[in-house]
Protein backbone atom coordinates (compact mmCIF):
# COMPACT_ATOMS: atom_id res chain seq x y z
CA MET A 1 -20.61 -11.37 7.24
CA PRO A 2 -19.57 -10.49 10.83
CA ASP A 3 -20.87 -7.42 12.59
CA ARG A 4 -18.50 -4.41 12.25
CA PRO A 5 -18.66 -0.58 12.77
CA ALA A 6 -20.88 1.65 10.67
CA LEU A 7 -19.73 2.21 7.06
CA PRO A 8 -19.03 5.95 7.92
CA ARG A 9 -16.46 5.16 10.59
CA ARG A 10 -14.78 2.51 8.53
CA LEU A 11 -14.71 4.99 5.42
CA THR A 12 -13.16 7.47 7.91
CA ALA A 13 -10.57 5.15 8.98
CA GLU A 14 -9.57 4.23 5.57
CA ALA A 15 -9.35 7.78 4.64
CA VAL A 16 -7.33 8.68 7.78
CA GLY A 17 -5.07 5.58 7.26
CA ALA A 18 -4.36 6.24 3.45
CA PHE A 19 -3.44 9.77 4.04
CA PHE A 20 -0.86 9.21 6.66
CA LEU A 21 0.62 6.32 4.83
CA PHE A 22 0.88 7.92 1.53
CA ALA A 23 2.14 11.21 3.17
CA THR A 24 4.69 9.13 4.98
CA VAL A 25 5.89 7.12 1.62
CA ILE A 26 6.12 10.59 -0.12
CA GLY A 27 7.35 12.64 2.74
CA SER A 28 10.10 10.30 4.12
CA GLY A 29 11.26 9.89 0.28
CA ILE A 30 11.72 13.81 0.02
CA MET A 31 13.34 13.90 3.34
CA ALA A 32 15.68 11.08 2.70
CA GLU A 33 16.72 12.43 -0.52
CA ASN A 34 17.51 15.84 0.87
CA LEU A 35 19.59 14.27 3.74
CA SER A 36 21.29 11.35 2.01
CA ARG A 37 23.80 13.55 -0.06
CA GLY A 38 23.21 11.47 -3.22
CA SER A 39 23.32 8.11 -1.59
CA GLU A 40 20.24 6.17 -3.04
CA ALA A 41 20.82 3.30 -0.64
CA VAL A 42 20.62 5.51 2.37
CA ALA A 43 17.65 7.23 0.93
CA LEU A 44 15.89 4.01 0.13
CA LEU A 45 16.83 2.75 3.86
CA ALA A 46 15.41 5.85 5.47
CA ASN A 47 12.10 5.50 3.18
CA THR A 48 11.78 1.90 4.21
CA ILE A 49 12.11 2.52 7.91
CA ALA A 50 9.61 5.29 7.91
CA THR A 51 7.01 3.23 5.76
CA GLY A 52 7.33 0.28 8.03
CA ALA A 53 6.86 2.11 11.20
CA ILE A 54 3.78 4.07 10.20
CA LEU A 55 2.35 0.61 8.83
CA PHE A 56 2.72 -0.94 12.16
CA VAL A 57 0.87 2.25 13.88
CA LEU A 58 -2.04 2.67 11.34
CA ILE A 59 -2.76 -1.09 11.53
CA THR A 60 -2.72 -1.41 15.13
CA MET A 61 -4.93 1.77 15.35
CA LEU A 62 -7.41 1.36 12.44
CA GLY A 63 -7.46 -2.33 11.99
CA PRO A 64 -10.17 -3.04 14.45
CA ILE A 65 -12.39 -0.33 12.91
CA SER A 66 -12.23 -0.78 8.97
CA GLY A 67 -9.10 -3.62 8.78
CA ALA A 68 -6.73 -0.88 7.64
CA HIS A 69 -6.77 -1.93 4.16
CA MET A 70 -5.42 1.49 2.72
CA ASN A 71 -4.77 -0.33 -0.48
CA PRO A 72 -7.43 -1.32 -3.15
CA ALA A 73 -5.95 -4.91 -3.77
CA VAL A 74 -6.50 -5.53 0.01
CA SER A 75 -10.22 -4.56 -0.24
CA LEU A 76 -10.99 -6.17 -3.57
CA VAL A 77 -9.66 -9.37 -2.17
CA ALA A 78 -11.59 -9.22 0.93
CA ALA A 79 -14.90 -8.57 -1.22
CA ALA A 80 -13.89 -11.53 -3.38
CA ARG A 81 -13.64 -13.62 -0.35
CA GLY A 82 -17.06 -12.59 0.85
CA GLU A 83 -15.66 -10.55 4.08
CA LEU A 84 -16.70 -7.25 2.53
CA ARG A 85 -19.59 -6.19 0.45
CA TRP A 86 -18.65 -5.01 -3.27
CA ALA A 87 -20.45 -1.72 -2.63
CA ASP A 88 -18.22 -0.91 0.51
CA ALA A 89 -15.07 -2.13 -1.34
CA ALA A 90 -15.76 0.48 -4.00
CA LEU A 91 -16.19 2.97 -1.43
CA TYR A 92 -13.06 1.81 0.33
CA VAL A 93 -11.00 2.28 -2.91
CA LEU A 94 -12.56 5.66 -3.48
CA ALA A 95 -11.64 6.93 0.07
CA GLN A 96 -7.96 5.21 -0.05
CA LEU A 97 -7.25 6.94 -3.54
CA THR A 98 -8.79 10.28 -2.64
CA PHE A 99 -7.37 10.80 0.71
CA GLY A 100 -4.01 9.13 -0.26
CA ILE A 101 -3.63 11.85 -3.09
CA LEU A 102 -4.17 14.26 -0.30
CA GLY A 103 -1.67 12.95 1.77
CA ALA A 104 0.83 13.07 -1.14
CA TRP A 105 0.03 16.65 -1.62
CA ALA A 106 0.37 17.50 2.13
CA ALA A 107 3.86 15.91 1.93
CA HIS A 108 4.80 18.57 -0.87
CA LEU A 109 3.12 21.36 1.11
CA MET A 110 5.20 20.26 4.14
CA PHE A 111 8.50 20.50 2.08
CA ASP A 112 7.56 23.45 0.19
CA LEU A 113 7.29 21.89 -3.23
CA PRO A 114 4.82 22.60 -5.90
CA THR A 115 1.51 20.72 -4.75
CA LEU A 116 0.63 19.76 -8.25
CA GLN A 117 3.31 17.59 -9.98
CA LEU A 118 3.79 14.54 -12.61
CA SER A 119 6.59 12.18 -11.91
CA VAL A 120 9.17 11.76 -14.74
CA LYS A 121 10.89 8.70 -12.94
CA ALA A 122 10.58 5.82 -15.43
CA ARG A 123 9.78 2.21 -13.59
CA THR A 124 9.03 -0.35 -16.47
CA GLY A 125 10.06 -3.53 -17.72
CA LEU A 126 9.55 -7.15 -17.10
CA GLY A 127 11.75 -7.16 -14.00
CA GLN A 128 9.62 -4.31 -12.45
CA TRP A 129 6.35 -5.91 -13.42
CA THR A 130 7.46 -9.25 -11.94
CA GLY A 131 8.54 -7.34 -8.73
CA GLU A 132 5.39 -5.80 -8.29
CA ALA A 133 3.31 -9.26 -8.90
CA ILE A 134 5.59 -10.77 -6.23
CA ALA A 135 5.43 -8.04 -3.69
CA THR A 136 1.45 -7.87 -3.96
CA PHE A 137 1.28 -11.75 -4.17
CA GLY A 138 3.40 -11.74 -0.77
CA LEU A 139 1.55 -8.97 0.80
CA ILE A 140 -1.98 -10.58 0.60
CA LEU A 141 -0.52 -13.87 1.46
CA THR A 142 1.01 -12.36 4.57
CA ILE A 143 -2.22 -10.66 5.52
CA LEU A 144 -4.64 -13.67 5.03
CA GLY A 145 -2.39 -16.18 6.61
CA THR A 146 -1.84 -14.21 9.93
CA VAL A 147 -5.15 -13.00 10.04
CA ARG A 148 -6.22 -16.78 9.98
CA HIS A 149 -3.59 -17.99 12.51
CA ARG A 150 -2.07 -15.20 14.27
CA ALA A 151 -4.42 -12.02 14.05
CA GLN A 152 -2.76 -10.09 16.78
CA TRP A 153 0.36 -10.15 14.85
CA VAL A 154 -1.16 -8.55 11.60
CA PRO A 155 0.40 -4.94 12.15
CA ALA A 156 3.97 -6.37 12.70
CA SER A 157 3.85 -9.02 9.97
CA VAL A 158 2.48 -6.56 7.45
CA ALA A 159 5.14 -3.80 8.61
CA LEU A 160 7.77 -6.34 8.37
CA TYR A 161 7.08 -7.78 4.94
CA ILE A 162 6.71 -4.28 3.46
CA THR A 163 10.13 -3.55 5.15
CA SER A 164 11.66 -6.49 3.63
CA ALA A 165 9.93 -6.23 0.31
CA TYR A 166 11.41 -2.77 -0.20
CA TRP A 167 14.63 -4.39 -0.65
CA PHE A 168 14.10 -7.96 -2.35
CA THR A 169 11.77 -6.69 -5.06
CA SER A 170 13.31 -4.79 -8.03
CA SER A 171 10.27 -2.42 -8.01
CA THR A 172 10.87 -1.48 -4.14
CA SER A 173 7.19 -2.93 -3.32
CA PHE A 174 4.62 -0.49 -4.22
CA ALA A 175 2.04 -3.41 -3.88
CA ASN A 176 -0.68 -0.80 -4.00
CA PRO A 177 -2.75 0.36 -6.73
CA ALA A 178 -3.92 3.48 -5.00
CA ILE A 179 -0.52 4.54 -4.12
CA THR A 180 1.04 3.75 -7.22
CA VAL A 181 -1.40 6.43 -8.77
CA ALA A 182 -0.55 9.00 -5.88
CA ARG A 183 3.22 8.57 -6.55
CA SER A 184 2.76 9.27 -10.15
CA LEU A 185 1.89 12.87 -8.80
CA SER A 186 4.88 13.41 -7.01
CA ASP A 187 8.10 14.06 -8.81
CA THR A 188 10.23 12.90 -6.00
CA PHE A 189 12.24 10.07 -4.78
CA ALA A 190 9.28 7.89 -4.65
CA GLY A 191 7.73 8.80 -7.76
CA ILE A 192 6.55 6.70 -10.81
CA ALA A 193 6.00 7.95 -14.32
CA PRO A 194 2.21 8.18 -15.07
CA ALA A 195 2.62 6.15 -18.13
CA ASP A 196 4.20 3.27 -16.04
CA VAL A 197 1.30 3.20 -13.75
CA PRO A 198 -1.19 0.90 -15.80
CA LEU A 199 1.12 -1.95 -16.08
CA PHE A 200 2.28 -1.62 -12.37
CA VAL A 201 -1.42 -1.77 -11.28
CA VAL A 202 -2.05 -5.10 -13.80
CA ALA A 203 0.82 -6.66 -12.13
CA GLN A 204 -0.25 -5.84 -8.70
CA LEU A 205 -3.81 -7.15 -9.19
CA ILE A 206 -2.47 -10.18 -10.75
CA GLY A 207 -0.41 -10.93 -7.77
CA ALA A 208 -3.31 -10.22 -5.42
CA ALA A 209 -5.59 -12.80 -7.34
CA LEU A 210 -3.02 -15.41 -7.37
CA ALA A 211 -2.20 -14.89 -3.61
CA ALA A 212 -5.98 -15.17 -2.91
CA LEU A 213 -6.30 -18.41 -4.74
CA LEU A 214 -3.27 -19.86 -2.75
CA ALA A 215 -4.73 -18.66 0.74
CA LYS A 216 -7.97 -20.29 -0.06
CA PHE A 217 -6.12 -23.41 -0.35
CA LEU A 218 -3.58 -23.03 2.40
CA PHE A 219 -5.66 -21.46 5.11
CA ASP A 220 -9.37 -21.84 4.75
CA GLU A 221 -10.94 -24.77 6.45
CA PRO A 222 -12.59 -27.25 3.78
CA ARG A 223 -16.22 -26.95 4.00
C-alpha cells in the first residue's frame, strides 16, 4: 500500500469534500428551482452544471490528500482492491455521511429553509434502480480506468461523466450511497423519499461491484 498522508488529514479532506459536494447538489437544486419558473429541464441543467463544476474543483484540490472519494462506493471499491485499509474505509464512509448531511443542512440554512426535513419525492421502480446501477457502474469504471491510464485527467473525467449521467440515466445519477441518504433529508428539487433509499443504495453497490470486476480484467496488469 503506497505512502499517503496521515489518516486525520485524509479524513478531513473527505469531510470537506463531502460537505461542499452535498451542499452544492442540494443548494444548486434549490436555487435552480427558485429561478427556473417551473421548468424542470432548466432546473436540472443548472443542477448538473453546478455539480460537475464542484466535482472538478474538489477532486483537483483534495485528490492528492485522500483520493477525494466523497462516496462510500468509491471507498469500498478501493478497500476491496487493497488500495485502502478496511478500517480506514469505514472512517471515510463515516466522514462522508456525517459531513455530507451537514452540507445538506447548510444548504437549507443558506436558503432560509427548515434545517430538518424529510423528502416526499418518490424515486422508485425498475427503471430508476437500473439507472442507479448503470450510473454507479460507469462512475467506478471511469475512476479506475482513468487512474490507471491518465491519472491527471481524473478530475475532468469524473466531472464530465457525472454531468453526462445526470441526463442519460433515468435516476439523474445519484451514484453515491451517502448523498442518497443526505438527499432523503431534503424536501427540495434534489430530494428522494426515505423509503426509496435502500433499493437505490443496493443498486449503487451492485453497479460498483460489477465495475470493480470489469476494471480488474480491463485495467489491471496480469500477475
